[in-house]
Each structure stands twice: as C-alpha cells, then as structure tokens.
C-alpha cells in the first residue's frame, strides 16, 4: 500500500509522514529512527523512504519493491491543490491535510515563518503612506486583516474523495490517533513524539488555544484576566476569533488599549448590540 500525504505548507506533512514511517503498522522505516525538530518546529531532517512528489515534476520514478507500506509526501506548495499526482499514484490511499477557519491562524503563520523562512512582520507590513499609525493597535489590526482577508483562508478544505485530516485534529494526541485509526492506519504509541511536535510548534499553536479559551469565557460570562497577553499576533488571533464567532470587528483605534479582562470584551460587544448568548 502507498499512502500519499498531500499537504499545505507548514511542516504538517512531514510530521504525519514521520508518524506513519516510524510508527505505522508494516510501514517501510526510514534509516533514522529518531524524530528531531528544528528551531522553527520542522522535522525535515528525517530521511524519506520514497522521493517527495514536489511541484508537479515532469518525471517521477521510484521502484516500490519492498514488501510493506510506503508513505509518500505530495508537496506542491500551499497555492496548488492540483491533483496531477493522482495520475501516477492512481491506486494510493490519499490523506489530504486541511484546515478550518479556526486552525487557519496556525497555517497563516507557519507558511511565512516555516515555508518562506522570514519573520512575520517582514511579510505583513504597514504601508506608512496609507496607514495612520505604527502603534501596537495598528499592527494588531494589520494582522487581523491578514487573517480575515487572505485568499488562502478558503483553501485546503476537506473533500469526501480523500481522507481529510484537519490540522485541528493534530492539536490533541487522542484526536490525531483516532483519525489515523479511522483511515485504517494502525500505529504504535507515538504520544511522546506528538508532545515534542506540539512543544516545538507552540508559538503557532498557543495563540489559537488562547483565543478558544477567551471565546469560551465570553460565552459563559467568565471573567478572565487578559493583561498578561502582550504578544501582538496572539491579540490579532483573538480579534479574528471574535469576528468568526460574532461577525464583529473590534474597532481597533477606538480600543487601542488592550483589554484587561474578558468582561471588558463583553461590555464592548453589548455596546455594539452583539448578541453573545446564541441559545
């Protein structure tokens, strides 16, 4: 059996490939038996048991002649969801790694810092001729607009023709293990490796976790302190989650001072007539 892992930028494909290659039942093993993560959370150093399908090559040749299962990476970049690779891998099982609106902020940052290998503020910049300020609130607004309006937010959605593995599922070990099992891909226990992946990628994951926690607190009228959140990107992700949940954009300039607690957010939402309790 050949399993093609078809994925957007961000290191997710390499991680799932490593899980299957190292822990999947009857999978051909790589030469290395230890999974290590780089400073930016990638696991690209693990050798591949079959060549990567990279940017729709003119020729792809490999003899899948060993008894067992092969994991093959399909990497055409985040901009290309083309299925040309299926002409070569016509009988393969396909795992398409996808993301939802809620996990999009993870991909939005990894595709810059991992794939492009540049800092976030190098790619999402403020045009001094068109923007009124370079204060913190202005960067929060710029990052929020990047999350809301980028065309790739609508890309890499699940498709019933393939096994769809949401990045949301990667955020807990049990969910990831259950999803792979549902694809009839049994694995040995890889929880320690998953924990290393999660810790190595926490800079991308934690803002989403914080935003989810805050939305939950707002919905149950729980008062949470927010003054500890100083990271501009995390604040923008929280604004993005508020927009997703309530279809409301925080007036960035009017609220240039960051909220001290979740009750401040509730007060703002009520001021603008936003219905918080949807029941």
C-alpha atoms as a PDB file:
ATOM      1  CA  UNK A   1       0.000   0.000   0.000  1.00  0.00           C
ATOM      2  CA  UNK A   2       1.111   3.520  -0.811  1.00  0.00           C
ATOM      3  CA  UNK A   3      -0.185   6.381   1.344  1.00  0.00           C
ATOM      4  CA  UNK A   4       0.163   9.836  -0.217  1.00  0.00           C
ATOM      5  CA  UNK A   5       0.242  12.689   2.284  1.00  0.00           C
ATOM      6  CA  UNK A   6      -0.972  15.751   0.396  1.00  0.00           C
ATOM      7  CA  UNK A   7      -0.481  18.909   2.381  1.00  0.00           C
ATOM      8  CA  UNK A   8      -0.179  22.707   2.524  1.00  0.00           C
ATOM      9  CA  UNK A   9       2.978  24.462   3.685  1.00  0.00           C
ATOM     10  CA  UNK A  10       3.889  24.466   7.338  1.00  0.00           C
ATOM     11  CA  UNK A  11       5.631  21.200   8.209  1.00  0.00           C
ATOM     12  CA  UNK A  12       2.418  19.250   8.824  1.00  0.00           C
ATOM     13  CA  UNK A  13       3.009  16.769   6.018  1.00  0.00           C
ATOM     14  CA  UNK A  14       6.500  15.915   7.192  1.00  0.00           C
ATOM     15  CA  UNK A  15       5.209  15.304  10.703  1.00  0.00           C
ATOM     16  CA  UNK A  16       2.426  12.924   9.597  1.00  0.00           C
ATOM     17  CA  UNK A  17       4.877  11.200   7.271  1.00  0.00           C
ATOM     18  CA  UNK A  18       7.208  10.705  10.224  1.00  0.00           C
ATOM     19  CA  UNK A  19       4.411   9.275  12.374  1.00  0.00           C
ATOM     20  CA  UNK A  20       3.463   6.727   9.719  1.00  0.00           C
ATOM     21  CA  UNK A  21       7.035   5.897   8.693  1.00  0.00           C
ATOM     22  CA  UNK A  22       8.253   5.419  12.264  1.00  0.00           C
ATOM     23  CA  UNK A  23       5.126   4.081  13.996  1.00  0.00           C
ATOM     24  CA  UNK A  24       2.706   2.879  11.317  1.00  0.00           C
ATOM     25  CA  UNK A  25       1.983  -0.824  11.100  1.00  0.00           C
ATOM     26  CA  UNK A  26       4.002  -2.552   8.342  1.00  0.00           C
ATOM     27  CA  UNK A  27       5.395   0.740   7.004  1.00  0.00           C
ATOM     28  CA  UNK A  28       8.840   0.881   5.453  1.00  0.00           C
ATOM     29  CA  UNK A  29      11.098   2.504   8.039  1.00  0.00           C
ATOM     30  CA  UNK A  30      13.491   5.399   7.399  1.00  0.00           C
ATOM     31  CA  UNK A  31      17.191   4.990   8.131  1.00  0.00           C
ATOM     32  CA  UNK A  32      16.950   7.287  11.134  1.00  0.00           C
ATOM     33  CA  UNK A  33      14.787   6.090  13.997  1.00  0.00           C
ATOM     34  CA  UNK A  34      14.651   9.330  15.975  1.00  0.00           C
ATOM     35  CA  UNK A  35      12.447  12.280  15.083  1.00  0.00           C
ATOM     36  CA  UNK A  36      14.031  15.647  15.806  1.00  0.00           C
ATOM     37  CA  UNK A  37      12.592  19.133  15.400  1.00  0.00           C
ATOM     38  CA  UNK A  38      14.377  22.245  14.195  1.00  0.00           C
ATOM     39  CA  UNK A  39      14.223  25.667  15.834  1.00  0.00           C
ATOM     40  CA  UNK A  40      11.142  26.593  13.791  1.00  0.00           C
ATOM     41  CA  UNK A  41       9.353  23.285  14.521  1.00  0.00           C
ATOM     42  CA  UNK A  42      10.076  21.428  11.272  1.00  0.00           C
ATOM     43  CA  UNK A  43      11.002  17.745  11.130  1.00  0.00           C
ATOM     44  CA  UNK A  44      12.555  17.778   7.663  1.00  0.00           C
ATOM     45  CA  UNK A  45      15.754  16.018   8.724  1.00  0.00           C
ATOM     46  CA  UNK A  46      14.108  12.598   8.800  1.00  0.00           C
ATOM     47  CA  UNK A  47      15.024  10.754   5.609  1.00  0.00           C
ATOM     48  CA  UNK A  48      12.208   9.802   3.248  1.00  0.00           C
ATOM     49  CA  UNK A  49      11.569   6.189   2.265  1.00  0.00           C
ATOM     50  CA  UNK A  50      10.375   7.361  -1.179  1.00  0.00           C
ATOM     51  CA  UNK A  51      11.090  10.593  -3.074  1.00  0.00           C
ATOM     52  CA  UNK A  52       8.799  13.539  -2.453  1.00  0.00           C
ATOM     53  CA  UNK A  53       6.384  14.491  -5.237  1.00  0.00           C
ATOM     54  CA  UNK A  54       7.498  18.113  -5.482  1.00  0.00           C
ATOM     55  CA  UNK A  55       5.798  20.849  -7.534  1.00  0.00           C
ATOM     56  CA  UNK A  56       4.337  18.525 -10.169  1.00  0.00           C
ATOM     57  CA  UNK A  57       7.599  17.149 -11.571  1.00  0.00           C
ATOM     58  CA  UNK A  58       7.832  16.154 -15.222  1.00  0.00           C
ATOM     59  CA  UNK A  59       9.172  12.756 -14.188  1.00  0.00           C
ATOM     60  CA  UNK A  60       8.743  10.777 -11.003  1.00  0.00           C
ATOM     61  CA  UNK A  61      10.372   7.389 -10.829  1.00  0.00           C
ATOM     62  CA  UNK A  62      10.751   5.104  -7.860  1.00  0.00           C
ATOM     63  CA  UNK A  63      10.524   1.352  -7.536  1.00  0.00           C
ATOM     64  CA  UNK A  64       8.163   0.499  -4.690  1.00  0.00           C
ATOM     65  CA  UNK A  65       9.557  -3.002  -4.469  1.00  0.00           C
ATOM     66  CA  UNK A  66       9.826  -3.738  -0.765  1.00  0.00           C
ATOM     67  CA  UNK A  67       7.048  -5.649   0.993  1.00  0.00           C
ATOM     68  CA  UNK A  68       5.195  -3.233   3.226  1.00  0.00           C
ATOM     69  CA  UNK A  69       3.549   0.165   3.203  1.00  0.00           C
ATOM     70  CA  UNK A  70       5.092   3.352   1.838  1.00  0.00           C
ATOM     71  CA  UNK A  71       4.420   6.915   2.945  1.00  0.00           C
ATOM     72  CA  UNK A  72       4.939   9.481   0.159  1.00  0.00           C
ATOM     73  CA  UNK A  73       4.864  13.254   0.569  1.00  0.00           C
ATOM     74  CA  UNK A  74       2.979  15.303  -2.035  1.00  0.00           C
ATOM     75  CA  UNK A  75       4.207  18.896  -1.851  1.00  0.00           C
ATOM     76  CA  UNK A  76       3.038  21.379  -4.475  1.00  0.00           C
ATOM     77  CA  UNK A  77       3.037  24.362  -2.149  1.00  0.00           C
ATOM     78  CA  UNK A  78       0.092  25.981  -0.426  1.00  0.00           C
ATOM     79  CA  UNK A  79      -1.078  27.701  -3.633  1.00  0.00           C
ATOM     80  CA  UNK A  80      -1.578  24.499  -5.619  1.00  0.00           C
ATOM     81  CA  UNK A  81      -4.238  21.931  -4.771  1.00  0.00           C
ATOM     82  CA  UNK A  82      -3.921  20.286  -8.186  1.00  0.00           C
ATOM     83  CA  UNK A  83      -4.381  16.523  -8.434  1.00  0.00           C
ATOM     84  CA  UNK A  84      -1.870  15.744 -11.180  1.00  0.00           C
ATOM     85  CA  UNK A  85      -0.085  13.392  -8.780  1.00  0.00           C
ATOM     86  CA  UNK A  86      -3.084  11.034  -8.924  1.00  0.00           C
ATOM     87  CA  UNK A  87      -2.124  10.033 -12.462  1.00  0.00           C
ATOM     88  CA  UNK A  88       0.995   8.412 -11.011  1.00  0.00           C
ATOM     89  CA  UNK A  89      -0.473   7.301  -7.682  1.00  0.00           C
ATOM     90  CA  UNK A  90      -3.810   6.117  -9.053  1.00  0.00           C
ATOM     91  CA  UNK A  91      -4.237   3.306  -6.504  1.00  0.00           C
ATOM     92  CA  UNK A  92      -2.781   5.065  -3.463  1.00  0.00           C
ATOM     93  CA  UNK A  93      -4.620   5.999  -0.299  1.00  0.00           C
ATOM     94  CA  UNK A  94      -4.738   9.782  -0.068  1.00  0.00           C
ATOM     95  CA  UNK A  95      -4.554  11.777   3.154  1.00  0.00           C
ATOM     96  CA  UNK A  96      -5.304  15.431   2.470  1.00  0.00           C
ATOM     97  CA  UNK A  97      -4.188  17.685   5.312  1.00  0.00           C
ATOM     98  CA  UNK A  98      -6.714  20.506   5.646  1.00  0.00           C
ATOM     99  CA  UNK A  99      -7.532  23.384   7.943  1.00  0.00           C
ATOM    100  CA  UNK A 100     -10.656  25.117   9.178  1.00  0.00           C
ATOM    101  CA  UNK A 101     -11.315  28.797   9.822  1.00  0.00           C
ATOM    102  CA  UNK A 102     -10.328  28.113  13.412  1.00  0.00           C
ATOM    103  CA  UNK A 103      -6.963  26.490  12.652  1.00  0.00           C
ATOM    104  CA  UNK A 104      -6.164  28.865   9.776  1.00  0.00           C
ATOM    105  CA  UNK A 105      -4.100  31.184  12.056  1.00  0.00           C
ATOM    106  CA  UNK A 106      -1.660  28.325  12.601  1.00  0.00           C
ATOM    107  CA  UNK A 107      -1.144  27.877   8.865  1.00  0.00           C
ATOM    108  CA  UNK A 108      -1.160  31.632   8.243  1.00  0.00           C
ATOM    109  CA  UNK A 109       1.948  31.958  10.375  1.00  0.00           C
ATOM    110  CA  UNK A 110       3.736  28.721   9.532  1.00  0.00           C
ATOM    111  CA  UNK A 111       3.559  29.431   5.804  1.00  0.00           C
ATOM    112  CA  UNK A 112       5.552  32.609   6.450  1.00  0.00           C
ATOM    113  CA  UNK A 113       7.985  31.563   9.147  1.00  0.00           C
ATOM    114  CA  UNK A 114       8.488  27.956   8.055  1.00  0.00           C
ATOM    115  CA  UNK A 115       7.931  27.876   4.284  1.00  0.00           C
ATOM    116  CA  UNK A 116       9.207  31.354   3.396  1.00  0.00           C
ATOM    117  CA  UNK A 117      11.641  31.398   6.331  1.00  0.00           C
ATOM    118  CA  UNK A 118      11.106  35.085   7.057  1.00  0.00           C
ATOM    119  CA  UNK A 119       9.790  36.865  10.181  1.00  0.00           C
ATOM    120  CA  UNK A 120       6.071  37.586  10.327  1.00  0.00           C
ATOM    121  CA  UNK A 121       6.492  41.357  10.313  1.00  0.00           C
ATOM    122  CA  UNK A 122       8.633  41.138   7.169  1.00  0.00           C
ATOM    123  CA  UNK A 123       5.680  39.739   5.241  1.00  0.00           C
ATOM    124  CA  UNK A 124       2.760  41.534   6.897  1.00  0.00           C
ATOM    125  CA  UNK A 125       3.903  45.140   6.901  1.00  0.00           C
ATOM    126  CA  UNK A 126       2.409  48.590   7.427  1.00  0.00           C
ATOM    127  CA  UNK A 127       2.455  50.984   4.496  1.00  0.00           C
ATOM    128  CA  UNK A 128       3.418  54.266   6.108  1.00  0.00           C
ATOM    129  CA  UNK A 129       1.854  56.262   3.269  1.00  0.00           C
ATOM    130  CA  UNK A 130      -1.591  54.675   3.660  1.00  0.00           C
ATOM    131  CA  UNK A 131      -1.731  53.685   7.331  1.00  0.00           C
ATOM    132  CA  UNK A 132      -2.468  56.168  10.122  1.00  0.00           C
ATOM    133  CA  UNK A 133      -0.175  54.730  12.772  1.00  0.00           C
ATOM    134  CA  UNK A 134       2.578  52.258  13.577  1.00  0.00           C
ATOM    135  CA  UNK A 135       1.452  51.869  17.183  1.00  0.00           C
ATOM    136  CA  UNK A 136       0.713  48.423  18.593  1.00  0.00           C
ATOM    137  CA  UNK A 137      -3.011  48.641  17.788  1.00  0.00           C
ATOM    138  CA  UNK A 138      -2.192  49.274  14.116  1.00  0.00           C
ATOM    139  CA  UNK A 139      -0.131  46.074  13.864  1.00  0.00           C
ATOM    140  CA  UNK A 140      -2.923  44.181  15.619  1.00  0.00           C
ATOM    141  CA  UNK A 141      -5.333  45.467  13.002  1.00  0.00           C
ATOM    142  CA  UNK A 142      -2.952  44.626  10.159  1.00  0.00           C
ATOM    143  CA  UNK A 143      -2.502  41.065  11.404  1.00  0.00           C
ATOM    144  CA  UNK A 144      -6.256  40.706  11.917  1.00  0.00           C
ATOM    145  CA  UNK A 145      -6.952  41.839   8.333  1.00  0.00           C
ATOM    146  CA  UNK A 146      -4.326  39.408   7.069  1.00  0.00           C
ATOM    147  CA  UNK A 147      -6.114  36.572   8.872  1.00  0.00           C
ATOM    148  CA  UNK A 148      -9.589  37.651   7.763  1.00  0.00           C
ATOM    149  CA  UNK A 149      -8.941  38.569   4.141  1.00  0.00           C
ATOM    150  CA  UNK A 150      -6.182  36.307   2.857  1.00  0.00           C
ATOM    151  CA  UNK A 151      -7.459  34.195  -0.032  1.00  0.00           C
ATOM    152  CA  UNK A 152      -5.769  31.069   1.317  1.00  0.00           C
ATOM    153  CA  UNK A 153      -8.112  31.064   4.320  1.00  0.00           C
ATOM    154  CA  UNK A 154     -10.590  29.373   1.981  1.00  0.00           C
ATOM    155  CA  UNK A 155      -8.101  26.827   0.627  1.00  0.00           C
ATOM    156  CA  UNK A 156      -7.350  23.228   1.671  1.00  0.00           C
ATOM    157  CA  UNK A 157     -10.845  22.236   2.717  1.00  0.00           C
ATOM    158  CA  UNK A 158     -11.964  18.624   3.335  1.00  0.00           C
ATOM    159  CA  UNK A 159     -13.069  16.580   0.346  1.00  0.00           C
ATOM    160  CA  UNK A 160     -15.144  13.410   0.547  1.00  0.00           C
ATOM    161  CA  UNK A 161     -12.980  11.796  -2.152  1.00  0.00           C
ATOM    162  CA  UNK A 162      -9.970  11.596   0.166  1.00  0.00           C
ATOM    163  CA  UNK A 163      -9.149  11.025   3.809  1.00  0.00           C
ATOM    164  CA  UNK A 164      -9.225  14.525   5.281  1.00  0.00           C
ATOM    165  CA  UNK A 165      -7.020  15.232   8.279  1.00  0.00           C
ATOM    166  CA  UNK A 166      -7.719  18.639   9.789  1.00  0.00           C
ATOM    167  CA  UNK A 167      -4.907  20.493  11.493  1.00  0.00           C
ATOM    168  CA  UNK A 168      -7.464  20.895  14.292  1.00  0.00           C
ATOM    169  CA  UNK A 169      -7.085  17.126  14.821  1.00  0.00           C
ATOM    170  CA  UNK A 170      -3.334  17.475  15.349  1.00  0.00           C
ATOM    171  CA  UNK A 171      -3.844  19.625  18.426  1.00  0.00           C
ATOM    172  CA  UNK A 172      -4.643  16.663  20.694  1.00  0.00           C
ATOM    173  CA  UNK A 173      -2.870  13.332  20.598  1.00  0.00           C
ATOM    174  CA  UNK A 174      -6.029  11.276  21.032  1.00  0.00           C
ATOM    175  CA  UNK A 175      -7.839  13.009  18.169  1.00  0.00           C
ATOM    176  CA  UNK A 176      -4.891  12.503  15.843  1.00  0.00           C
ATOM    177  CA  UNK A 177      -4.555   8.850  16.792  1.00  0.00           C
ATOM    178  CA  UNK A 178      -8.294   8.300  16.313  1.00  0.00           C
ATOM    179  CA  UNK A 179      -8.262   9.946  12.887  1.00  0.00           C
ATOM    180  CA  UNK A 180      -5.391   7.765  11.664  1.00  0.00           C
ATOM    181  CA  UNK A 181      -7.185   4.713  13.012  1.00  0.00           C
ATOM    182  CA  UNK A 182     -10.337   5.742  11.125  1.00  0.00           C
ATOM    183  CA  UNK A 183      -8.225   5.696   7.934  1.00  0.00           C
ATOM    184  CA  UNK A 184      -7.384   2.052   8.798  1.00  0.00           C
ATOM    185  CA  UNK A 185      -3.793   3.052   9.547  1.00  0.00           C
ATOM    186  CA  UNK A 186      -2.798   1.481  12.824  1.00  0.00           C
ATOM    187  CA  UNK A 187       0.163   2.937  14.688  1.00  0.00           C
ATOM    188  CA  UNK A 188       2.206   2.164  17.741  1.00  0.00           C
ATOM    189  CA  UNK A 189       2.001   4.684  20.560  1.00  0.00           C
ATOM    190  CA  UNK A 190       3.649   7.924  19.397  1.00  0.00           C
ATOM    191  CA  UNK A 191       2.456  10.252  22.167  1.00  0.00           C
ATOM    192  CA  UNK A 192       5.971  11.281  23.223  1.00  0.00           C
ATOM    193  CA  UNK A 193       6.780  12.325  19.644  1.00  0.00           C
ATOM    194  CA  UNK A 194       3.492  14.204  19.394  1.00  0.00           C
ATOM    195  CA  UNK A 195       4.331  16.068  22.619  1.00  0.00           C
ATOM    196  CA  UNK A 196       7.699  17.070  21.146  1.00  0.00           C
ATOM    197  CA  UNK A 197       5.981  18.265  17.959  1.00  0.00           C
ATOM    198  CA  UNK A 198       3.436  20.265  19.963  1.00  0.00           C
ATOM    199  CA  UNK A 199       6.117  21.889  22.142  1.00  0.00           C
ATOM    200  CA  UNK A 200       8.289  22.688  19.113  1.00  0.00           C
ATOM    201  CA  UNK A 201       5.327  24.322  17.359  1.00  0.00           C
ATOM    202  CA  UNK A 202       3.781  26.040  20.383  1.00  0.00           C
ATOM    203  CA  UNK A 203       4.470  29.532  19.016  1.00  0.00           C
ATOM    204  CA  UNK A 204       1.987  28.773  16.214  1.00  0.00           C
ATOM    205  CA  UNK A 205      -0.489  26.755  18.290  1.00  0.00           C
ATOM    206  CA  UNK A 206      -0.755  28.687  21.565  1.00  0.00           C
ATOM    207  CA  UNK A 207      -2.471  31.797  20.109  1.00  0.00           C
ATOM    208  CA  UNK A 208      -5.318  29.592  18.867  1.00  0.00           C
ATOM    209  CA  UNK A 209      -5.595  27.863  22.238  1.00  0.00           C
ATOM    210  CA  UNK A 210      -5.700  31.254  23.999  1.00  0.00           C
ATOM    211  CA  UNK A 211      -8.354  32.561  21.607  1.00  0.00           C
ATOM    212  CA  UNK A 212     -10.562  29.489  22.085  1.00  0.00           C
ATOM    213  CA  UNK A 213     -10.283  29.849  25.860  1.00  0.00           C
ATOM    214  CA  UNK A 214     -11.309  33.511  25.702  1.00  0.00           C
ATOM    215  CA  UNK A 215     -14.301  32.880  23.426  1.00  0.00           C
ATOM    216  CA  UNK A 216     -15.478  30.142  25.805  1.00  0.00           C
ATOM    217  CA  UNK A 217     -15.105  32.502  28.757  1.00  0.00           C
ATOM    218  CA  UNK A 218     -17.133  35.204  26.999  1.00  0.00           C
ATOM    219  CA  UNK A 219     -19.939  32.760  26.254  1.00  0.00           C
ATOM    220  CA  UNK A 220     -20.284  31.642  29.870  1.00  0.00           C
ATOM    221  CA  UNK A 221     -19.658  35.133  31.297  1.00  0.00           C
ATOM    222  CA  UNK A 222     -16.452  34.028  32.995  1.00  0.00           C
ATOM    223  CA  UNK A 223     -14.064  36.805  33.974  1.00  0.00           C
ATOM    224  CA  UNK A 224     -10.530  36.071  32.782  1.00  0.00           C
ATOM    225  CA  UNK A 225      -7.585  38.379  33.140  1.00  0.00           C
ATOM    226  CA  UNK A 226      -6.125  39.367  29.750  1.00  0.00           C
ATOM    227  CA  UNK A 227      -3.386  41.823  30.672  1.00  0.00           C
ATOM    228  CA  UNK A 228      -0.778  39.041  30.514  1.00  0.00           C
ATOM    229  CA  UNK A 229      -1.326  38.758  26.732  1.00  0.00           C
ATOM    230  CA  UNK A 230       1.281  41.099  25.303  1.00  0.00           C
ATOM    231  CA  UNK A 231       2.059  39.321  22.036  1.00  0.00           C
ATOM    232  CA  UNK A 232       0.614  41.305  19.105  1.00  0.00           C
ATOM    233  CA  UNK A 233      -0.061  38.239  16.944  1.00  0.00           C
ATOM    234  CA  UNK A 234      -1.950  36.499  19.755  1.00  0.00           C
ATOM    235  CA  UNK A 235      -4.120  39.584  20.221  1.00  0.00           C
ATOM    236  CA  UNK A 236      -4.870  39.642  16.495  1.00  0.00           C
ATOM    237  CA  UNK A 237      -5.866  35.969  16.590  1.00  0.00           C
ATOM    238  CA  UNK A 238      -8.253  36.761  19.466  1.00  0.00           C
ATOM    239  CA  UNK A 239      -9.786  39.580  17.384  1.00  0.00           C
ATOM    240  CA  UNK A 240     -10.096  37.144  14.476  1.00  0.00           C
ATOM    241  CA  UNK A 241     -11.863  34.586  16.691  1.00  0.00           C
ATOM    242  CA  UNK A 242     -14.262  37.300  17.921  1.00  0.00           C
ATOM    243  CA  UNK A 243     -15.013  38.104  14.290  1.00  0.00           C
ATOM    244  CA  UNK A 244     -15.591  34.422  13.476  1.00  0.00           C
ATOM    245  CA  UNK A 245     -17.860  33.890  16.455  1.00  0.00           C
ATOM    246  CA  UNK A 246     -19.863  37.129  16.399  1.00  0.00           C
ATOM    247  CA  UNK A 247     -19.335  38.581  12.918  1.00  0.00           C
ATOM    248  CA  UNK A 248     -17.986  41.686  14.616  1.00  0.00           C
ATOM    249  CA  UNK A 249     -14.717  43.509  14.008  1.00  0.00           C
ATOM    250  CA  UNK A 250     -13.264  45.217  17.037  1.00  0.00           C
ATOM    251  CA  UNK A 251     -12.851  48.961  16.296  1.00  0.00           C
ATOM    252  CA  UNK A 252      -9.078  48.829  16.502  1.00  0.00           C
ATOM    253  CA  UNK A 253      -8.317  52.508  17.009  1.00  0.00           C
ATOM    254  CA  UNK A 254     -11.177  53.037  19.466  1.00  0.00           C
ATOM    255  CA  UNK A 255      -9.858  50.128  21.521  1.00  0.00           C
ATOM    256  CA  UNK A 256      -6.167  50.845  21.101  1.00  0.00           C
ATOM    257  CA  UNK A 257      -5.605  49.917  24.754  1.00  0.00           C
ATOM    258  CA  UNK A 258      -5.682  46.156  25.172  1.00  0.00           C
ATOM    259  CA  UNK A 259      -8.484  44.665  27.229  1.00  0.00           C
ATOM    260  CA  UNK A 260      -7.724  43.959  30.879  1.00  0.00           C
ATOM    261  CA  UNK A 261     -10.258  41.112  31.162  1.00  0.00           C
ATOM    262  CA  UNK A 262     -12.979  39.292  29.249  1.00  0.00           C
ATOM    263  CA  UNK A 263     -15.729  41.382  30.852  1.00  0.00           C
ATOM    264  CA  UNK A 264     -14.292  44.378  29.015  1.00  0.00           C
ATOM    265  CA  UNK A 265     -14.848  42.485  25.755  1.00  0.00           C
ATOM    266  CA  UNK A 266     -18.411  41.621  26.790  1.00  0.00           C
ATOM    267  CA  UNK A 267     -19.078  45.287  27.566  1.00  0.00           C
ATOM    268  CA  UNK A 268     -17.786  46.285  24.132  1.00  0.00           C
ATOM    269  CA  UNK A 269     -19.868  43.652  22.331  1.00  0.00           C
ATOM    270  CA  UNK A 270     -23.036  44.692  24.157  1.00  0.00           C
ATOM    271  CA  UNK A 271     -22.314  48.350  23.376  1.00  0.00           C
ATOM    272  CA  UNK A 272     -22.468  47.497  19.666  1.00  0.00           C
ATOM    273  CA  UNK A 273     -25.561  45.320  20.010  1.00  0.00           C
ATOM    274  CA  UNK A 274     -23.813  41.987  19.537  1.00  0.00           C
ATOM    275  CA  UNK A 275     -25.821  39.042  20.870  1.00  0.00           C
ATOM    276  CA  UNK A 276     -23.495  36.862  22.922  1.00  0.00           C
ATOM    277  CA  UNK A 277     -25.881  34.158  24.113  1.00  0.00           C
ATOM    278  CA  UNK A 278     -26.972  32.308  20.971  1.00  0.00           C
ATOM    279  CA  UNK A 279     -29.324  29.938  22.779  1.00  0.00           C
END
